[in-house]
Amino acid sequence: MQQAEFIPPFIPAHKTGQFRPCAVIPVYNHEHAIGAVLAAVLAHDLPCVLVDDASSASCAAVLDGLASTHPGQVTLLRHAVNRGKGGAVLTGAQHAAAAGYTHALQIDADGQHCTDDIPRFLQQAAAKPQSLIAGCPQYDDSVPAVRFYARYLTHVWVWINTLSLDIRDSMCGFRVYPLPSLMRLTQRKQLGERMDFDTEVLVRLYWDGVPVVNLPTRVTYPADGISHFRAGLDNLLISRMHATLFFGMLWRAPRLLGRRLGLSRGQS
């Protein structure tokens, strides 16, 4: 299902000087949280693309209701089969780019991200439109210890695969993409569509020369939150992704090191 709306032709932001953001929210069986998340996003006057990743009938009904309640503010897209969080984000981002938006703010549907930080993220994106604004989580006591410490393995691999410490956290699903850069990447490279997506897309955009701005943001884990992480399969996908990125880094190493050297000289 797709809520009808006028879609103007896409004109890249660098040709118009216009900053036109929207939110993209991937949804998979988060019917108990998505209403509050959407309300908080719309409170910041941010149009929203909801992507139903083949949710249950009960969640689909909630999304239908939200889309019909907010005509002109909410677009609802729907996958016939589950493709994963990354697949849903890409569907929303591609729609947003075709609709003329210049930037897409990605935020999770489960309520763990601090929507009060949306203005800060958008202000940074408007000030630095070529950059990717990446959330750097500030956790409270609700974070599971296993998740907190397991993230550091991915952090180390990302630092290796970018030959830098420029990306502080590649796994946070709260970020703002410059859509022209993201669309160029997706046109030439098929990205992982599940739990490997958030890290892979950030590393590959960094490889493409997209600057990364890290913003601290509070992250909580709701007591009744739903996790779709599949320990066996998703860990396998993430491990394969890190290995693929490592070999991709090897032939890019001279350029990445040259980039670091250039930055160091520019700051001296």
C-alpha atoms as a PDB file:
ATOM      1  CA  MET A   1       0.000   0.000   0.000  1.00  0.00           C
ATOM      2  CA  GLN A   2       1.204   3.499  -0.762  1.00  0.00           C
ATOM      3  CA  GLN A   3      -0.496   6.676   0.392  1.00  0.00           C
ATOM      4  CA  ALA A   4      -1.033   8.859  -2.664  1.00  0.00           C
ATOM      5  CA  GLU A   5       0.870  12.134  -2.812  1.00  0.00           C
ATOM      6  CA  PHE A   6       2.281  14.542  -5.369  1.00  0.00           C
ATOM      7  CA  ILE A   7       5.879  13.605  -6.205  1.00  0.00           C
ATOM      8  CA  PRO A   8       7.918  16.434  -7.746  1.00  0.00           C
ATOM      9  CA  PRO A   9      10.942  15.689  -9.920  1.00  0.00           C
ATOM     10  CA  PHE A  10      14.140  15.073  -7.973  1.00  0.00           C
ATOM     11  CA  ILE A  11      16.657  17.922  -8.233  1.00  0.00           C
ATOM     12  CA  PRO A  12      19.929  17.415  -6.339  1.00  0.00           C
ATOM     13  CA  ALA A  13      20.396  19.784  -3.413  1.00  0.00           C
ATOM     14  CA  HIS A  14      23.744  21.094  -4.670  1.00  0.00           C
ATOM     15  CA  LYS A  15      21.961  22.510  -7.742  1.00  0.00           C
ATOM     16  CA  THR A  16      19.228  24.311  -5.797  1.00  0.00           C
ATOM     17  CA  GLY A  17      20.808  25.101  -2.450  1.00  0.00           C
ATOM     18  CA  GLN A  18      17.653  23.667  -0.915  1.00  0.00           C
ATOM     19  CA  PHE A  19      17.594  21.476   2.175  1.00  0.00           C
ATOM     20  CA  ARG A  20      14.539  19.244   2.112  1.00  0.00           C
ATOM     21  CA  PRO A  21      14.627  16.426   4.688  1.00  0.00           C
ATOM     22  CA  CYS A  22      12.169  13.686   5.543  1.00  0.00           C
ATOM     23  CA  ALA A  23      12.158  10.783   7.994  1.00  0.00           C
ATOM     24  CA  VAL A  24      12.365   7.129   6.969  1.00  0.00           C
ATOM     25  CA  ILE A  25      11.165   4.580   9.535  1.00  0.00           C
ATOM     26  CA  PRO A  26      11.472   0.833   8.848  1.00  0.00           C
ATOM     27  CA  VAL A  27       8.727  -1.067  10.666  1.00  0.00           C
ATOM     28  CA  TYR A  28       8.433  -4.770  11.413  1.00  0.00           C
ATOM     29  CA  ASN A  29       5.850  -5.722  14.039  1.00  0.00           C
ATOM     30  CA  HIS A  30       6.320  -2.617  16.192  1.00  0.00           C
ATOM     31  CA  GLU A  31       2.622  -1.778  16.410  1.00  0.00           C
ATOM     32  CA  HIS A  32       2.847  -0.904  20.123  1.00  0.00           C
ATOM     33  CA  ALA A  33       5.609   1.689  19.701  1.00  0.00           C
ATOM     34  CA  ILE A  34       5.303   3.145  16.205  1.00  0.00           C
ATOM     35  CA  GLY A  35       2.400   5.470  17.026  1.00  0.00           C
ATOM     36  CA  ALA A  36       4.389   7.354  19.662  1.00  0.00           C
ATOM     37  CA  VAL A  37       7.529   7.423  17.500  1.00  0.00           C
ATOM     38  CA  LEU A  38       5.621   8.780  14.519  1.00  0.00           C
ATOM     39  CA  ALA A  39       3.862  11.426  16.624  1.00  0.00           C
ATOM     40  CA  ALA A  40       7.220  12.598  17.973  1.00  0.00           C
ATOM     41  CA  VAL A  41       8.707  12.786  14.472  1.00  0.00           C
ATOM     42  CA  LEU A  42       5.724  14.699  13.070  1.00  0.00           C
ATOM     43  CA  ALA A  43       5.926  17.125  15.997  1.00  0.00           C
ATOM     44  CA  HIS A  44       9.156  18.371  14.399  1.00  0.00           C
ATOM     45  CA  ASP A  45       7.308  19.127  11.116  1.00  0.00           C
ATOM     46  CA  LEU A  46       9.188  16.348   9.389  1.00  0.00           C
ATOM     47  CA  PRO A  47       7.328  14.426   6.658  1.00  0.00           C
ATOM     48  CA  CYS A  48       7.652  10.701   7.162  1.00  0.00           C
ATOM     49  CA  VAL A  49       7.991   7.584   5.014  1.00  0.00           C
ATOM     50  CA  LEU A  50       6.892   4.460   6.865  1.00  0.00           C
ATOM     51  CA  VAL A  51       8.062   1.188   5.342  1.00  0.00           C
ATOM     52  CA  ASP A  52       6.098  -1.873   6.437  1.00  0.00           C
ATOM     53  CA  ASP A  53       8.538  -4.767   6.054  1.00  0.00           C
ATOM     54  CA  ALA A  54       5.816  -7.431   5.728  1.00  0.00           C
ATOM     55  CA  SER A  55       4.568  -7.032   9.287  1.00  0.00           C
ATOM     56  CA  SER A  56       1.767  -9.027  10.892  1.00  0.00           C
ATOM     57  CA  ALA A  57      -1.843  -8.171  10.117  1.00  0.00           C
ATOM     58  CA  SER A  58      -2.241  -6.348  13.439  1.00  0.00           C
ATOM     59  CA  CYS A  59       0.786  -4.125  12.808  1.00  0.00           C
ATOM     60  CA  ALA A  60      -0.261  -3.527   9.196  1.00  0.00           C
ATOM     61  CA  ALA A  61      -3.664  -2.339  10.428  1.00  0.00           C
ATOM     62  CA  VAL A  62      -2.009   0.104  12.837  1.00  0.00           C
ATOM     63  CA  LEU A  63       0.155   1.476  10.023  1.00  0.00           C
ATOM     64  CA  ASP A  64      -2.852   1.838   7.734  1.00  0.00           C
ATOM     65  CA  GLY A  65      -4.576   3.831  10.444  1.00  0.00           C
ATOM     66  CA  LEU A  66      -1.594   6.103  11.002  1.00  0.00           C
ATOM     67  CA  ALA A  67      -1.223   6.802   7.281  1.00  0.00           C
ATOM     68  CA  SER A  68      -4.904   7.642   6.884  1.00  0.00           C
ATOM     69  CA  THR A  69      -4.826   9.875   9.974  1.00  0.00           C
ATOM     70  CA  HIS A  70      -1.943  11.957   8.616  1.00  0.00           C
ATOM     71  CA  PRO A  71      -2.591  12.457   4.885  1.00  0.00           C
ATOM     72  CA  GLY A  72       0.069  14.591   3.244  1.00  0.00           C
ATOM     73  CA  GLN A  73       2.455  14.028   6.168  1.00  0.00           C
ATOM     74  CA  VAL A  74       2.907  10.251   6.044  1.00  0.00           C
ATOM     75  CA  THR A  75       3.635   7.964   3.112  1.00  0.00           C
ATOM     76  CA  LEU A  76       3.190   4.240   3.717  1.00  0.00           C
ATOM     77  CA  LEU A  77       5.142   1.759   1.608  1.00  0.00           C
ATOM     78  CA  ARG A  78       4.781  -1.992   2.005  1.00  0.00           C
ATOM     79  CA  HIS A  79       6.956  -5.011   1.257  1.00  0.00           C
ATOM     80  CA  ALA A  80       5.138  -8.181   0.229  1.00  0.00           C
ATOM     81  CA  VAL A  81       7.860 -10.275   1.897  1.00  0.00           C
ATOM     82  CA  ASN A  82      10.219  -9.431   4.729  1.00  0.00           C
ATOM     83  CA  ARG A  83      13.515  -8.024   3.411  1.00  0.00           C
ATOM     84  CA  GLY A  84      15.110  -6.852   6.640  1.00  0.00           C
ATOM     85  CA  LYS A  85      15.757  -3.475   8.192  1.00  0.00           C
ATOM     86  CA  GLY A  86      18.268  -2.426   5.555  1.00  0.00           C
ATOM     87  CA  GLY A  87      15.948  -3.384   2.729  1.00  0.00           C
ATOM     88  CA  ALA A  88      13.193  -1.304   4.306  1.00  0.00           C
ATOM     89  CA  VAL A  89      15.480   1.707   4.795  1.00  0.00           C
ATOM     90  CA  LEU A  90      16.599   1.524   1.160  1.00  0.00           C
ATOM     91  CA  THR A  91      13.005   1.314  -0.089  1.00  0.00           C
ATOM     92  CA  GLY A  92      12.168   4.420   1.923  1.00  0.00           C
ATOM     93  CA  ALA A  93      15.307   6.278   0.877  1.00  0.00           C
ATOM     94  CA  GLN A  94      14.761   5.530  -2.809  1.00  0.00           C
ATOM     95  CA  HIS A  95      11.191   6.787  -2.571  1.00  0.00           C
ATOM     96  CA  ALA A  96      12.361   9.910  -0.724  1.00  0.00           C
ATOM     97  CA  ALA A  97      14.986  10.681  -3.374  1.00  0.00           C
ATOM     98  CA  ALA A  98      12.442  10.230  -6.178  1.00  0.00           C
ATOM     99  CA  ALA A  99      10.069  12.556  -4.294  1.00  0.00           C
ATOM    100  CA  GLY A 100      12.654  15.338  -4.282  1.00  0.00           C
ATOM    101  CA  TYR A 101      13.893  15.088  -0.710  1.00  0.00           C
ATOM    102  CA  THR A 102      17.585  15.827  -0.247  1.00  0.00           C
ATOM    103  CA  HIS A 103      18.145  14.078   3.088  1.00  0.00           C
ATOM    104  CA  ALA A 104      16.612  11.132   4.929  1.00  0.00           C
ATOM    105  CA  LEU A 105      16.615  10.869   8.701  1.00  0.00           C
ATOM    106  CA  GLN A 106      16.607   7.192   9.647  1.00  0.00           C
ATOM    107  CA  ILE A 107      15.156   6.330  13.046  1.00  0.00           C
ATOM    108  CA  ASP A 108      14.053   3.003  14.527  1.00  0.00           C
ATOM    109  CA  ALA A 109      10.396   2.187  15.146  1.00  0.00           C
ATOM    110  CA  ASP A 110      10.845   0.651  18.600  1.00  0.00           C
ATOM    111  CA  GLY A 111      11.190   3.896  20.540  1.00  0.00           C
ATOM    112  CA  GLN A 112      14.794   3.484  21.690  1.00  0.00           C
ATOM    113  CA  HIS A 113      16.021   6.696  20.060  1.00  0.00           C
ATOM    114  CA  CYS A 114      15.623  10.175  21.533  1.00  0.00           C
ATOM    115  CA  THR A 115      13.346  12.065  19.153  1.00  0.00           C
ATOM    116  CA  ASP A 116      14.111  15.314  21.018  1.00  0.00           C
ATOM    117  CA  ASP A 117      17.494  15.165  19.251  1.00  0.00           C
ATOM    118  CA  ILE A 118      15.937  15.358  15.777  1.00  0.00           C
ATOM    119  CA  PRO A 119      16.440  19.163  15.513  1.00  0.00           C
ATOM    120  CA  ARG A 120      20.153  18.786  16.364  1.00  0.00           C
ATOM    121  CA  PHE A 121      20.589  16.126  13.682  1.00  0.00           C
ATOM    122  CA  LEU A 122      18.780  18.209  11.076  1.00  0.00           C
ATOM    123  CA  GLN A 123      20.680  21.367  11.983  1.00  0.00           C
ATOM    124  CA  GLN A 124      23.969  19.550  11.436  1.00  0.00           C
ATOM    125  CA  ALA A 125      22.728  18.081   8.149  1.00  0.00           C
ATOM    126  CA  ALA A 126      21.622  21.513   6.920  1.00  0.00           C
ATOM    127  CA  ALA A 127      24.957  23.071   7.919  1.00  0.00           C
ATOM    128  CA  LYS A 128      26.957  20.215   6.335  1.00  0.00           C
ATOM    129  CA  PRO A 129      24.728  18.877   3.544  1.00  0.00           C
ATOM    130  CA  GLN A 130      27.407  16.621   2.035  1.00  0.00           C
ATOM    131  CA  SER A 131      28.001  14.839   5.363  1.00  0.00           C
ATOM    132  CA  LEU A 132      26.386  11.819   6.970  1.00  0.00           C
ATOM    133  CA  ILE A 133      25.194  12.652  10.482  1.00  0.00           C
ATOM    134  CA  ALA A 134      25.656   9.519  12.603  1.00  0.00           C
ATOM    135  CA  GLY A 135      24.244   8.954  16.072  1.00  0.00           C
ATOM    136  CA  CYS A 136      26.759   8.004  18.755  1.00  0.00           C
ATOM    137  CA  PRO A 137      24.766   6.256  21.513  1.00  0.00           C
ATOM    138  CA  GLN A 138      24.862   7.396  25.113  1.00  0.00           C
ATOM    139  CA  TYR A 139      23.354   4.463  27.014  1.00  0.00           C
ATOM    140  CA  ASP A 140      21.550   4.323  30.328  1.00  0.00           C
ATOM    141  CA  ASP A 141      21.247   1.295  32.607  1.00  0.00           C
ATOM    142  CA  SER A 142      18.621  -0.316  30.353  1.00  0.00           C
ATOM    143  CA  VAL A 143      21.191  -1.481  27.789  1.00  0.00           C
ATOM    144  CA  PRO A 144      21.841  -5.250  27.899  1.00  0.00           C
ATOM    145  CA  ALA A 145      25.478  -5.828  28.877  1.00  0.00           C
ATOM    146  CA  VAL A 146      25.986  -8.393  26.110  1.00  0.00           C
ATOM    147  CA  ARG A 147      24.920  -5.896  23.446  1.00  0.00           C
ATOM    148  CA  PHE A 148      26.967  -3.083  24.933  1.00  0.00           C
ATOM    149  CA  TYR A 149      30.248  -4.993  24.936  1.00  0.00           C
ATOM    150  CA  ALA A 150      29.598  -6.907  21.716  1.00  0.00           C
ATOM    151  CA  ARG A 151      29.382  -3.614  19.827  1.00  0.00           C
ATOM    152  CA  TYR A 152      33.063  -3.000  20.444  1.00  0.00           C
ATOM    153  CA  LEU A 153      34.037  -5.874  18.180  1.00  0.00           C
ATOM    154  CA  THR A 154      32.271  -4.119  15.312  1.00  0.00           C
ATOM    155  CA  HIS A 155      33.811  -0.779  16.335  1.00  0.00           C
ATOM    156  CA  VAL A 156      37.305  -2.255  16.041  1.00  0.00           C
ATOM    157  CA  TRP A 157      36.562  -3.778  12.636  1.00  0.00           C
ATOM    158  CA  VAL A 158      35.179  -0.468  11.384  1.00  0.00           C
ATOM    159  CA  TRP A 159      38.303   1.363  12.554  1.00  0.00           C
ATOM    160  CA  ILE A 160      40.400  -1.216  10.700  1.00  0.00           C
ATOM    161  CA  ASN A 161      38.284  -1.100   7.549  1.00  0.00           C
ATOM    162  CA  THR A 162      38.362   2.705   7.368  1.00  0.00           C
ATOM    163  CA  LEU A 163      41.940   3.055   8.681  1.00  0.00           C
ATOM    164  CA  SER A 164      40.591   5.792  10.936  1.00  0.00           C
ATOM    165  CA  LEU A 165      38.672   6.530  14.119  1.00  0.00           C
ATOM    166  CA  ASP A 166      36.300   8.869  12.289  1.00  0.00           C
ATOM    167  CA  ILE A 167      33.267   6.600  12.803  1.00  0.00           C
ATOM    168  CA  ARG A 168      32.570   6.277  16.514  1.00  0.00           C
ATOM    169  CA  ASP A 169      29.574   3.955  16.233  1.00  0.00           C
ATOM    170  CA  SER A 170      28.400   2.326  13.009  1.00  0.00           C
ATOM    171  CA  MET A 171      25.483   0.392  14.487  1.00  0.00           C
ATOM    172  CA  CYS A 172      23.200   3.178  15.688  1.00  0.00           C
ATOM    173  CA  GLY A 173      20.077   3.370  13.530  1.00  0.00           C
ATOM    174  CA  PHE A 174      19.600   7.098  14.162  1.00  0.00           C
ATOM    175  CA  ARG A 175      21.298   9.081  11.389  1.00  0.00           C
ATOM    176  CA  VAL A 176      20.784  11.465   8.462  1.00  0.00           C
ATOM    177  CA  TYR A 177      21.814  10.420   4.959  1.00  0.00           C
ATOM    178  CA  PRO A 178      22.648  12.849   2.148  1.00  0.00           C
ATOM    179  CA  LEU A 179      20.424  11.159  -0.440  1.00  0.00           C
ATOM    180  CA  PRO A 180      22.455  11.946  -3.596  1.00  0.00           C
ATOM    181  CA  SER A 181      25.485  10.153  -2.112  1.00  0.00           C
ATOM    182  CA  LEU A 182      23.391   7.228  -0.901  1.00  0.00           C
ATOM    183  CA  MET A 183      21.672   6.834  -4.265  1.00  0.00           C
ATOM    184  CA  ARG A 184      24.983   6.851  -6.138  1.00  0.00           C
ATOM    185  CA  LEU A 185      26.232   4.095  -3.840  1.00  0.00           C
ATOM    186  CA  THR A 186      23.133   1.920  -4.256  1.00  0.00           C
ATOM    187  CA  GLN A 187      23.237   2.274  -8.031  1.00  0.00           C
ATOM    188  CA  ARG A 188      26.616   0.572  -8.232  1.00  0.00           C
ATOM    189  CA  LYS A 189      26.663  -1.655  -5.140  1.00  0.00           C
ATOM    190  CA  GLN A 190      24.170  -4.096  -3.656  1.00  0.00           C
ATOM    191  CA  LEU A 191      24.219  -3.589   0.107  1.00  0.00           C
ATOM    192  CA  GLY A 192      23.340  -6.028   2.843  1.00  0.00           C
ATOM    193  CA  GLU A 193      19.680  -5.638   3.738  1.00  0.00           C
ATOM    194  CA  ARG A 194      19.532  -7.041   7.263  1.00  0.00           C
ATOM    195  CA  MET A 195      21.483  -6.350  10.449  1.00  0.00           C
ATOM    196  CA  ASP A 196      24.636  -5.870   8.391  1.00  0.00           C
ATOM    197  CA  PHE A 197      23.191  -2.812   6.644  1.00  0.00           C
ATOM    198  CA  ASP A 198      23.852  -0.011   9.148  1.00  0.00           C
ATOM    199  CA  THR A 199      27.579  -0.721   9.358  1.00  0.00           C
ATOM    200  CA  GLU A 200      28.176  -1.538   5.696  1.00  0.00           C
ATOM    201  CA  VAL A 201      26.447   1.538   4.296  1.00  0.00           C
ATOM    202  CA  LEU A 202      28.332   3.816   6.684  1.00  0.00           C
ATOM    203  CA  VAL A 203      31.739   2.316   5.827  1.00  0.00           C
ATOM    204  CA  ARG A 204      31.096   2.379   2.078  1.00  0.00           C
ATOM    205  CA  LEU A 205      29.891   5.983   2.150  1.00  0.00           C
ATOM    206  CA  TYR A 206      33.032   6.855   4.108  1.00  0.00           C
ATOM    207  CA  TRP A 207      35.095   5.107   1.423  1.00  0.00           C
ATOM    208  CA  ASP A 208      33.289   7.274  -1.129  1.00  0.00           C
ATOM    209  CA  GLY A 209      34.561  10.388   0.625  1.00  0.00           C
ATOM    210  CA  VAL A 210      31.374  11.288   2.488  1.00  0.00           C
ATOM    211  CA  PRO A 211      32.373  13.040   5.747  1.00  0.00           C
ATOM    212  CA  VAL A 212      30.908  11.587   8.949  1.00  0.00           C
ATOM    213  CA  VAL A 213      29.707  13.822  11.767  1.00  0.00           C
ATOM    214  CA  ASN A 214      29.238  11.932  15.053  1.00  0.00           C
ATOM    215  CA  LEU A 215      26.514  13.263  17.332  1.00  0.00           C
ATOM    216  CA  PRO A 216      25.964  11.895  20.848  1.00  0.00           C
ATOM    217  CA  THR A 217      22.373  10.840  21.464  1.00  0.00           C
ATOM    218  CA  ARG A 218      20.619   9.085  24.322  1.00  0.00           C
ATOM    219  CA  VAL A 219      19.544   5.486  23.610  1.00  0.00           C
ATOM    220  CA  THR A 220      17.263   3.422  25.846  1.00  0.00           C
ATOM    221  CA  TYR A 221      16.049  -0.147  25.596  1.00  0.00           C
ATOM    222  CA  PRO A 222      12.315  -0.301  26.437  1.00  0.00           C
ATOM    223  CA  ALA A 223      11.446  -3.077  28.881  1.00  0.00           C
ATOM    224  CA  ASP A 224       8.791  -4.369  26.474  1.00  0.00           C
ATOM    225  CA  GLY A 225      10.905  -3.769  23.377  1.00  0.00           C
ATOM    226  CA  ILE A 226      10.969  -6.307  20.542  1.00  0.00           C
ATOM    227  CA  SER A 227      14.308  -7.399  19.092  1.00  0.00           C
ATOM    228  CA  HIS A 228      14.475  -9.027  15.673  1.00  0.00           C
ATOM    229  CA  PHE A 229      18.165  -9.884  15.962  1.00  0.00           C
ATOM    230  CA  ARG A 230      18.764 -13.536  15.038  1.00  0.00           C
ATOM    231  CA  ALA A 231      21.884 -14.579  16.892  1.00  0.00           C
ATOM    232  CA  GLY A 232      23.037 -17.263  14.455  1.00  0.00           C
ATOM    233  CA  LEU A 233      22.149 -15.877  11.040  1.00  0.00           C
ATOM    234  CA  ASP A 234      22.722 -12.193  11.788  1.00  0.00           C
ATOM    235  CA  ASN A 235      26.095 -12.825  13.424  1.00  0.00           C
ATOM    236  CA  LEU A 236      27.065 -14.806  10.326  1.00  0.00           C
ATOM    237  CA  LEU A 237      25.958 -11.960   8.037  1.00  0.00           C
ATOM    238  CA  ILE A 238      27.842  -9.409  10.120  1.00  0.00           C
ATOM    239  CA  SER A 239      31.014 -11.538  10.172  1.00  0.00           C
ATOM    240  CA  ARG A 240      30.871 -11.983   6.400  1.00  0.00           C
ATOM    241  CA  MET A 241      30.301  -8.259   5.962  1.00  0.00           C
ATOM    242  CA  HIS A 242      33.379  -7.391   8.065  1.00  0.00           C
ATOM    243  CA  ALA A 243      35.506  -9.842   6.059  1.00  0.00           C
ATOM    244  CA  THR A 244      34.267  -8.420   2.734  1.00  0.00           C
ATOM    245  CA  LEU A 245      34.947  -4.868   3.896  1.00  0.00           C
ATOM    246  CA  PHE A 246      38.425  -5.859   5.091  1.00  0.00           C
ATOM    247  CA  PHE A 247      39.450  -7.107   1.657  1.00  0.00           C
ATOM    248  CA  GLY A 248      37.848  -4.038   0.109  1.00  0.00           C
ATOM    249  CA  MET A 249      39.902  -1.867   2.429  1.00  0.00           C
ATOM    250  CA  LEU A 250      43.193  -3.477   1.369  1.00  0.00           C
ATOM    251  CA  TRP A 251      43.184  -2.111  -2.174  1.00  0.00           C
ATOM    252  CA  ARG A 252      41.756   1.207  -0.959  1.00  0.00           C
ATOM    253  CA  ALA A 253      44.427   1.517   1.761  1.00  0.00           C
ATOM    254  CA  PRO A 254      46.733   3.911  -0.141  1.00  0.00           C
ATOM    255  CA  ARG A 255      43.849   6.305  -0.830  1.00  0.00           C
ATOM    256  CA  LEU A 256      42.522   6.043   2.715  1.00  0.00           C
ATOM    257  CA  LEU A 257      45.966   6.683   4.190  1.00  0.00           C
ATOM    258  CA  GLY A 258      46.482   9.564   1.780  1.00  0.00           C
ATOM    259  CA  ARG A 259      43.173  11.003   2.918  1.00  0.00           C
ATOM    260  CA  ARG A 260      44.287  10.756   6.536  1.00  0.00           C
ATOM    261  CA  LEU A 261      47.596  12.423   5.701  1.00  0.00           C
ATOM    262  CA  GLY A 262      45.800  15.215   3.882  1.00  0.00           C
ATOM    263  CA  LEU A 263      43.522  15.808   6.843  1.00  0.00           C
ATOM    264  CA  SER A 264      46.464  15.873   9.225  1.00  0.00           C
ATOM    265  CA  ARG A 265      48.276  18.432   7.095  1.00  0.00           C
ATOM    266  CA  GLY A 266      45.147  20.536   6.850  1.00  0.00           C
ATOM    267  CA  GLN A 267      44.786  20.598  10.627  1.00  0.00           C
ATOM    268  CA  SER A 268      48.452  21.399  11.313  1.00  0.00           C
END
